[in-house]
Amino acid sequence: MKVPILTMCVCTLLSAVCDGAQIYRCDDPSGQPRFQQIPCEAGGEAVQLSPPAARWDPLRPGERQLLKERARPADRRKAVKPRDSKAVERRCWNKRKRLEAVSAKLRRGYKPAQGERLRRQRDNLDEFVRRYCD
């Protein structure tokens, strides 16, 4: 009975101590800023810290903008344009045949290391058939 009450009191006290922490900005004699936890002798100012951002972004805003400008939308990809309709039919037949083989392999079973590759292959073939053969 005493242990849970004692634990709760300690946690409450620790949270109160952490909430009251303050950072002070002081200038040293050379003019460089120095940050410390105790007030300055020469009358430094208290600094309020904002909580850290919830997400981390590896790109700076300028880099992000550059990537957006250079990115090519998927619709601008070159379409497959074979020379004649027989070539189109043959290519589509081959893609459908491969799609069936991959789907059959997924239904039959596969080793764990093959799963991601087979699903990616199935998705790519399915997209090709939908886009160019229908």
N, C-alpha and C. Protein backbone atom coordinates (compact mmCIF):
# COMPACT_ATOMS: atom_id res chain seq x y z
N MET A 1 0.83 -1.20 0.00
CA MET A 1 0.00 0.00 0.00
C MET A 1 0.86 1.25 0.00
N LYS A 2 1.97 1.23 0.76
CA LYS A 2 2.81 2.42 0.85
C LYS A 2 3.61 2.64 -0.43
N VAL A 3 3.99 1.55 -1.11
CA VAL A 3 4.83 1.67 -2.31
C VAL A 3 4.11 2.41 -3.44
N PRO A 4 2.85 2.08 -3.79
CA PRO A 4 2.18 2.83 -4.86
C PRO A 4 1.98 4.31 -4.52
N ILE A 5 1.69 4.61 -3.26
CA ILE A 5 1.50 6.00 -2.85
C ILE A 5 2.82 6.75 -2.94
N LEU A 6 3.88 6.12 -2.49
CA LEU A 6 5.20 6.74 -2.56
C LEU A 6 5.63 6.96 -4.01
N THR A 7 5.38 5.96 -4.86
CA THR A 7 5.73 6.10 -6.29
C THR A 7 4.95 7.24 -6.93
N MET A 8 3.68 7.36 -6.60
CA MET A 8 2.86 8.43 -7.17
C MET A 8 3.37 9.81 -6.70
N CYS A 9 3.76 9.92 -5.44
CA CYS A 9 4.28 11.19 -4.93
C CYS A 9 5.58 11.57 -5.62
N VAL A 10 6.47 10.60 -5.80
CA VAL A 10 7.75 10.87 -6.45
C VAL A 10 7.53 11.32 -7.89
N CYS A 11 6.64 10.65 -8.61
CA CYS A 11 6.35 11.04 -10.01
C CYS A 11 5.77 12.44 -10.09
N THR A 12 4.90 12.78 -9.16
CA THR A 12 4.31 14.12 -9.13
C THR A 12 5.37 15.18 -8.88
N LEU A 13 6.26 14.92 -7.94
CA LEU A 13 7.33 15.88 -7.64
C LEU A 13 8.29 16.04 -8.82
N LEU A 14 8.63 14.93 -9.46
CA LEU A 14 9.54 15.00 -10.61
C LEU A 14 8.93 15.78 -11.77
N SER A 15 7.64 15.58 -12.02
CA SER A 15 7.01 16.32 -13.11
C SER A 15 6.95 17.81 -12.79
N ALA A 16 6.76 18.17 -11.52
CA ALA A 16 6.74 19.58 -11.14
C ALA A 16 8.12 20.21 -11.32
N VAL A 17 9.18 19.46 -10.99
CA VAL A 17 10.54 19.97 -11.14
C VAL A 17 10.87 20.16 -12.62
N CYS A 18 10.48 19.20 -13.45
CA CYS A 18 10.78 19.29 -14.89
C CYS A 18 10.02 20.43 -15.56
N ASP A 19 8.78 20.67 -15.12
CA ASP A 19 8.01 21.75 -15.71
C ASP A 19 8.59 23.12 -15.38
N GLY A 20 9.23 23.23 -14.22
CA GLY A 20 9.75 24.52 -13.80
C GLY A 20 11.15 24.82 -14.31
N ALA A 21 11.75 23.97 -15.11
CA ALA A 21 13.11 24.20 -15.60
C ALA A 21 13.13 25.44 -16.48
N GLN A 22 14.15 26.23 -16.35
CA GLN A 22 14.26 27.49 -17.08
C GLN A 22 15.65 27.58 -17.71
N ILE A 23 15.72 28.21 -18.87
CA ILE A 23 16.99 28.43 -19.56
C ILE A 23 17.23 29.93 -19.61
N TYR A 24 18.46 30.33 -19.31
CA TYR A 24 18.82 31.75 -19.32
C TYR A 24 19.87 32.00 -20.39
N ARG A 25 19.71 33.11 -21.10
CA ARG A 25 20.66 33.51 -22.14
C ARG A 25 21.52 34.64 -21.57
N CYS A 26 22.81 34.40 -21.54
CA CYS A 26 23.74 35.39 -21.02
C CYS A 26 24.79 35.69 -22.10
N ASP A 27 25.28 36.89 -22.11
CA ASP A 27 26.36 37.26 -23.03
C ASP A 27 27.67 37.28 -22.26
N ASP A 28 28.67 36.54 -22.75
CA ASP A 28 29.97 36.59 -22.08
C ASP A 28 30.73 37.84 -22.51
N PRO A 29 31.85 38.13 -21.91
CA PRO A 29 32.58 39.37 -22.18
C PRO A 29 32.94 39.59 -23.65
N SER A 30 33.10 38.51 -24.43
CA SER A 30 33.44 38.67 -25.85
C SER A 30 32.19 38.93 -26.70
N GLY A 31 31.00 38.85 -26.10
CA GLY A 31 29.77 39.15 -26.84
C GLY A 31 29.07 37.90 -27.37
N GLN A 32 29.62 36.73 -27.13
CA GLN A 32 29.01 35.49 -27.59
C GLN A 32 27.87 35.08 -26.64
N PRO A 33 26.77 34.59 -27.18
CA PRO A 33 25.69 34.15 -26.29
C PRO A 33 26.06 32.83 -25.61
N ARG A 34 25.62 32.69 -24.37
CA ARG A 34 25.87 31.49 -23.59
C ARG A 34 24.55 31.14 -22.90
N PHE A 35 24.18 29.88 -22.93
CA PHE A 35 22.93 29.42 -22.33
C PHE A 35 23.25 28.58 -21.10
N GLN A 36 22.50 28.83 -20.01
CA GLN A 36 22.74 28.10 -18.77
C GLN A 36 21.44 27.95 -18.00
N GLN A 37 21.47 27.10 -16.98
CA GLN A 37 20.27 26.82 -16.20
C GLN A 37 20.11 27.74 -14.99
N ILE A 38 21.13 28.48 -14.64
CA ILE A 38 21.03 29.39 -13.49
C ILE A 38 21.03 30.82 -14.00
N PRO A 39 20.39 31.75 -13.29
CA PRO A 39 20.35 33.14 -13.76
C PRO A 39 21.76 33.74 -13.86
N CYS A 40 21.92 34.68 -14.76
CA CYS A 40 23.21 35.33 -14.98
C CYS A 40 23.47 36.37 -13.89
N GLU A 41 24.74 36.65 -13.65
CA GLU A 41 25.08 37.69 -12.69
C GLU A 41 24.80 39.07 -13.29
N ALA A 42 25.00 39.21 -14.61
CA ALA A 42 24.86 40.51 -15.26
C ALA A 42 23.44 40.76 -15.76
N GLY A 43 22.47 40.01 -15.32
CA GLY A 43 21.08 40.27 -15.70
C GLY A 43 20.73 39.75 -17.08
N GLY A 44 20.91 38.48 -17.33
CA GLY A 44 20.52 37.87 -18.60
C GLY A 44 19.01 37.71 -18.68
N GLU A 45 18.53 37.24 -19.82
CA GLU A 45 17.09 37.11 -20.00
C GLU A 45 16.69 35.64 -20.00
N ALA A 46 15.50 35.36 -19.51
CA ALA A 46 14.97 34.00 -19.51
C ALA A 46 14.45 33.68 -20.90
N VAL A 47 14.69 32.47 -21.34
CA VAL A 47 14.28 32.04 -22.69
C VAL A 47 13.20 30.99 -22.55
N GLN A 48 12.10 31.16 -23.27
CA GLN A 48 11.03 30.18 -23.29
C GLN A 48 11.27 29.25 -24.48
N LEU A 49 11.37 27.98 -24.22
CA LEU A 49 11.59 27.00 -25.28
C LEU A 49 10.26 26.43 -25.74
N SER A 50 10.10 26.34 -27.04
CA SER A 50 8.90 25.71 -27.57
C SER A 50 9.12 24.21 -27.62
N PRO A 51 8.04 23.43 -27.55
CA PRO A 51 8.22 21.98 -27.60
C PRO A 51 8.74 21.57 -28.98
N PRO A 52 9.49 20.50 -29.07
CA PRO A 52 10.03 20.08 -30.36
C PRO A 52 8.92 19.69 -31.32
N ALA A 53 9.21 19.82 -32.60
CA ALA A 53 8.23 19.46 -33.62
C ALA A 53 7.93 17.97 -33.56
N ALA A 54 6.72 17.62 -33.94
CA ALA A 54 6.29 16.23 -33.84
C ALA A 54 6.93 15.36 -34.92
N ARG A 55 7.30 15.94 -36.05
CA ARG A 55 7.90 15.13 -37.11
C ARG A 55 9.24 15.71 -37.51
N TRP A 56 10.06 14.86 -38.06
CA TRP A 56 11.39 15.25 -38.51
C TRP A 56 11.38 15.29 -40.01
N ASP A 57 11.84 16.37 -40.60
CA ASP A 57 11.88 16.51 -42.04
C ASP A 57 13.32 16.65 -42.48
N PRO A 58 13.85 15.72 -43.28
CA PRO A 58 15.25 15.76 -43.65
C PRO A 58 15.58 16.84 -44.68
N LEU A 59 14.57 17.41 -45.33
CA LEU A 59 14.80 18.40 -46.37
C LEU A 59 14.49 19.80 -45.88
N ARG A 60 15.30 20.75 -46.31
CA ARG A 60 15.00 22.14 -46.02
C ARG A 60 13.95 22.62 -47.02
N PRO A 61 13.25 23.71 -46.76
CA PRO A 61 12.18 24.16 -47.66
C PRO A 61 12.65 24.39 -49.09
N GLY A 62 13.85 24.93 -49.29
CA GLY A 62 14.35 25.15 -50.65
C GLY A 62 14.59 23.84 -51.38
N GLU A 63 15.10 22.84 -50.67
CA GLU A 63 15.34 21.53 -51.28
C GLU A 63 14.02 20.86 -51.65
N ARG A 64 13.02 21.00 -50.78
CA ARG A 64 11.72 20.42 -51.05
C ARG A 64 11.10 21.04 -52.30
N GLN A 65 11.23 22.36 -52.45
CA GLN A 65 10.69 23.05 -53.61
C GLN A 65 11.40 22.60 -54.88
N LEU A 66 12.72 22.43 -54.81
CA LEU A 66 13.49 21.98 -55.96
C LEU A 66 13.04 20.58 -56.39
N LEU A 67 12.80 19.71 -55.43
CA LEU A 67 12.31 18.38 -55.77
C LEU A 67 10.94 18.41 -56.43
N LYS A 68 10.08 19.29 -55.97
CA LYS A 68 8.75 19.40 -56.59
C LYS A 68 8.85 19.89 -58.03
N GLU A 69 9.78 20.82 -58.27
CA GLU A 69 9.94 21.33 -59.63
C GLU A 69 10.51 20.27 -60.56
N ARG A 70 11.42 19.45 -60.06
CA ARG A 70 12.08 18.47 -60.90
C ARG A 70 11.28 17.18 -61.04
N ALA A 71 10.32 16.95 -60.13
CA ALA A 71 9.56 15.70 -60.17
C ALA A 71 8.72 15.64 -61.43
N ARG A 72 8.67 14.46 -61.99
CA ARG A 72 7.91 14.26 -63.20
C ARG A 72 6.66 13.47 -62.85
N PRO A 73 5.48 13.97 -63.19
CA PRO A 73 4.27 13.21 -62.88
C PRO A 73 4.24 11.90 -63.65
N ALA A 74 3.52 10.92 -63.11
CA ALA A 74 3.47 9.60 -63.73
C ALA A 74 2.78 9.64 -65.09
N ASP A 75 1.89 10.60 -65.33
CA ASP A 75 1.17 10.68 -66.59
C ASP A 75 2.07 11.10 -67.75
N ARG A 76 3.21 11.70 -67.44
CA ARG A 76 4.09 12.18 -68.51
C ARG A 76 5.04 11.10 -69.00
N ARG A 77 4.96 9.90 -68.43
CA ARG A 77 5.82 8.82 -68.89
C ARG A 77 5.50 8.48 -70.33
N LYS A 78 6.50 8.01 -71.03
CA LYS A 78 6.29 7.67 -72.42
C LYS A 78 5.39 6.45 -72.52
N ALA A 79 4.40 6.55 -73.38
CA ALA A 79 3.50 5.43 -73.60
C ALA A 79 4.16 4.46 -74.59
N VAL A 80 3.83 3.19 -74.43
CA VAL A 80 4.35 2.19 -75.36
C VAL A 80 3.59 2.32 -76.66
N LYS A 81 4.30 2.55 -77.76
CA LYS A 81 3.66 2.70 -79.06
C LYS A 81 4.31 1.73 -80.04
N PRO A 82 3.79 0.52 -80.13
CA PRO A 82 4.35 -0.43 -81.08
C PRO A 82 4.01 -0.06 -82.51
N ARG A 83 4.69 -0.68 -83.44
CA ARG A 83 4.54 -0.32 -84.86
C ARG A 83 3.20 -0.74 -85.43
N ASP A 84 2.67 -1.88 -85.05
CA ASP A 84 1.40 -2.32 -85.63
C ASP A 84 0.54 -3.00 -84.58
N SER A 85 -0.70 -3.29 -84.93
CA SER A 85 -1.64 -3.85 -83.96
C SER A 85 -1.28 -5.28 -83.57
N LYS A 86 -0.63 -6.04 -84.44
CA LYS A 86 -0.21 -7.40 -84.08
C LYS A 86 0.83 -7.36 -82.96
N ALA A 87 1.71 -6.39 -83.03
CA ALA A 87 2.71 -6.25 -81.96
C ALA A 87 2.03 -5.90 -80.64
N VAL A 88 1.00 -5.05 -80.71
CA VAL A 88 0.27 -4.69 -79.49
C VAL A 88 -0.40 -5.92 -78.91
N GLU A 89 -1.04 -6.70 -79.74
CA GLU A 89 -1.73 -7.90 -79.27
C GLU A 89 -0.74 -8.90 -78.68
N ARG A 90 0.38 -9.07 -79.31
CA ARG A 90 1.40 -10.01 -78.83
C ARG A 90 1.95 -9.56 -77.47
N ARG A 91 2.26 -8.27 -77.37
CA ARG A 91 2.80 -7.74 -76.12
C ARG A 91 1.77 -7.88 -75.00
N CYS A 92 0.52 -7.56 -75.27
CA CYS A 92 -0.52 -7.68 -74.26
C CYS A 92 -0.75 -9.15 -73.87
N TRP A 93 -0.71 -10.05 -74.85
CA TRP A 93 -0.88 -11.47 -74.55
C TRP A 93 0.24 -11.95 -73.64
N ASN A 94 1.48 -11.54 -73.94
CA ASN A 94 2.63 -11.92 -73.11
C ASN A 94 2.50 -11.38 -71.69
N LYS A 95 2.09 -10.13 -71.56
CA LYS A 95 1.93 -9.53 -70.23
C LYS A 95 0.83 -10.24 -69.44
N ARG A 96 -0.30 -10.55 -70.10
CA ARG A 96 -1.39 -11.24 -69.41
C ARG A 96 -0.94 -12.64 -68.97
N LYS A 97 -0.18 -13.31 -69.83
CA LYS A 97 0.32 -14.64 -69.51
C LYS A 97 1.25 -14.59 -68.29
N ARG A 98 2.15 -13.63 -68.25
CA ARG A 98 3.04 -13.46 -67.11
C ARG A 98 2.26 -13.10 -65.84
N LEU A 99 1.23 -12.24 -66.01
CA LEU A 99 0.39 -11.86 -64.87
C LEU A 99 -0.31 -13.08 -64.29
N GLU A 100 -0.84 -13.95 -65.15
CA GLU A 100 -1.48 -15.17 -64.67
C GLU A 100 -0.50 -16.08 -63.95
N ALA A 101 0.72 -16.19 -64.49
CA ALA A 101 1.73 -17.04 -63.86
C ALA A 101 2.11 -16.52 -62.48
N VAL A 102 2.29 -15.22 -62.36
CA VAL A 102 2.65 -14.63 -61.06
C VAL A 102 1.49 -14.77 -60.08
N SER A 103 0.27 -14.53 -60.54
CA SER A 103 -0.90 -14.67 -59.66
C SER A 103 -1.05 -16.11 -59.19
N ALA A 104 -0.82 -17.07 -60.10
CA ALA A 104 -0.91 -18.48 -59.73
C ALA A 104 0.15 -18.82 -58.68
N LYS A 105 1.36 -18.30 -58.85
CA LYS A 105 2.43 -18.54 -57.88
C LYS A 105 2.05 -17.97 -56.52
N LEU A 106 1.42 -16.78 -56.50
CA LEU A 106 0.99 -16.18 -55.24
C LEU A 106 -0.10 -17.02 -54.57
N ARG A 107 -1.00 -17.60 -55.38
CA ARG A 107 -2.06 -18.43 -54.81
C ARG A 107 -1.53 -19.76 -54.30
N ARG A 108 -0.57 -20.35 -55.04
CA ARG A 108 -0.02 -21.65 -54.67
C ARG A 108 0.79 -21.60 -53.39
N GLY A 109 1.55 -20.55 -53.26
CA GLY A 109 2.44 -20.44 -52.11
C GLY A 109 3.85 -20.12 -52.56
N TYR A 110 4.60 -19.53 -51.69
CA TYR A 110 5.94 -19.07 -52.04
C TYR A 110 6.76 -18.96 -50.78
N LYS A 111 8.06 -18.82 -50.96
CA LYS A 111 8.95 -18.63 -49.82
C LYS A 111 8.80 -17.20 -49.31
N PRO A 112 9.03 -16.97 -48.03
CA PRO A 112 8.86 -15.62 -47.48
C PRO A 112 9.69 -14.56 -48.20
N ALA A 113 10.87 -14.91 -48.67
CA ALA A 113 11.73 -13.93 -49.33
C ALA A 113 11.19 -13.54 -50.70
N GLN A 114 10.32 -14.36 -51.28
CA GLN A 114 9.80 -14.07 -52.63
C GLN A 114 8.52 -13.24 -52.60
N GLY A 115 7.87 -13.15 -51.48
CA GLY A 115 6.55 -12.52 -51.42
C GLY A 115 6.50 -11.09 -51.92
N GLU A 116 7.38 -10.25 -51.43
CA GLU A 116 7.37 -8.83 -51.81
C GLU A 116 7.65 -8.67 -53.31
N ARG A 117 8.61 -9.44 -53.81
CA ARG A 117 8.96 -9.34 -55.23
C ARG A 117 7.80 -9.79 -56.11
N LEU A 118 7.14 -10.88 -55.74
CA LEU A 118 6.00 -11.37 -56.52
C LEU A 118 4.83 -10.38 -56.50
N ARG A 119 4.54 -9.80 -55.34
CA ARG A 119 3.44 -8.82 -55.28
C ARG A 119 3.76 -7.59 -56.12
N ARG A 120 5.02 -7.12 -56.07
CA ARG A 120 5.41 -5.97 -56.87
C ARG A 120 5.30 -6.28 -58.36
N GLN A 121 5.72 -7.50 -58.75
CA GLN A 121 5.62 -7.91 -60.15
C GLN A 121 4.16 -7.95 -60.58
N ARG A 122 3.30 -8.53 -59.74
CA ARG A 122 1.88 -8.60 -60.07
C ARG A 122 1.27 -7.22 -60.24
N ASP A 123 1.60 -6.29 -59.35
CA ASP A 123 1.05 -4.94 -59.44
C ASP A 123 1.53 -4.23 -60.70
N ASN A 124 2.80 -4.38 -61.04
CA ASN A 124 3.33 -3.73 -62.25
C ASN A 124 2.68 -4.30 -63.51
N LEU A 125 2.55 -5.62 -63.59
CA LEU A 125 1.92 -6.23 -64.77
C LEU A 125 0.46 -5.84 -64.87
N ASP A 126 -0.24 -5.82 -63.74
CA ASP A 126 -1.65 -5.44 -63.74
C ASP A 126 -1.83 -4.01 -64.21
N GLU A 127 -0.96 -3.12 -63.75
CA GLU A 127 -1.04 -1.72 -64.18
C GLU A 127 -0.77 -1.59 -65.68
N PHE A 128 0.21 -2.34 -66.18
CA PHE A 128 0.51 -2.29 -67.61
C PHE A 128 -0.68 -2.75 -68.43
N VAL A 129 -1.28 -3.87 -68.02
CA VAL A 129 -2.44 -4.41 -68.75
C VAL A 129 -3.60 -3.42 -68.73
N ARG A 130 -3.88 -2.85 -67.57
CA ARG A 130 -4.98 -1.87 -67.48
C ARG A 130 -4.71 -0.63 -68.32
N ARG A 131 -3.47 -0.19 -68.33
CA ARG A 131 -3.15 1.07 -69.00
C ARG A 131 -3.06 0.92 -70.51
N TYR A 132 -2.44 -0.14 -71.00
CA TYR A 132 -2.14 -0.21 -72.43
C TYR A 132 -2.91 -1.27 -73.19
N CYS A 133 -3.52 -2.23 -72.52
CA CYS A 133 -4.14 -3.34 -73.24
C CYS A 133 -5.66 -3.32 -73.24
N ASP A 134 -6.28 -2.58 -72.39
CA ASP A 134 -7.74 -2.56 -72.35
C ASP A 134 -8.32 -1.44 -73.16
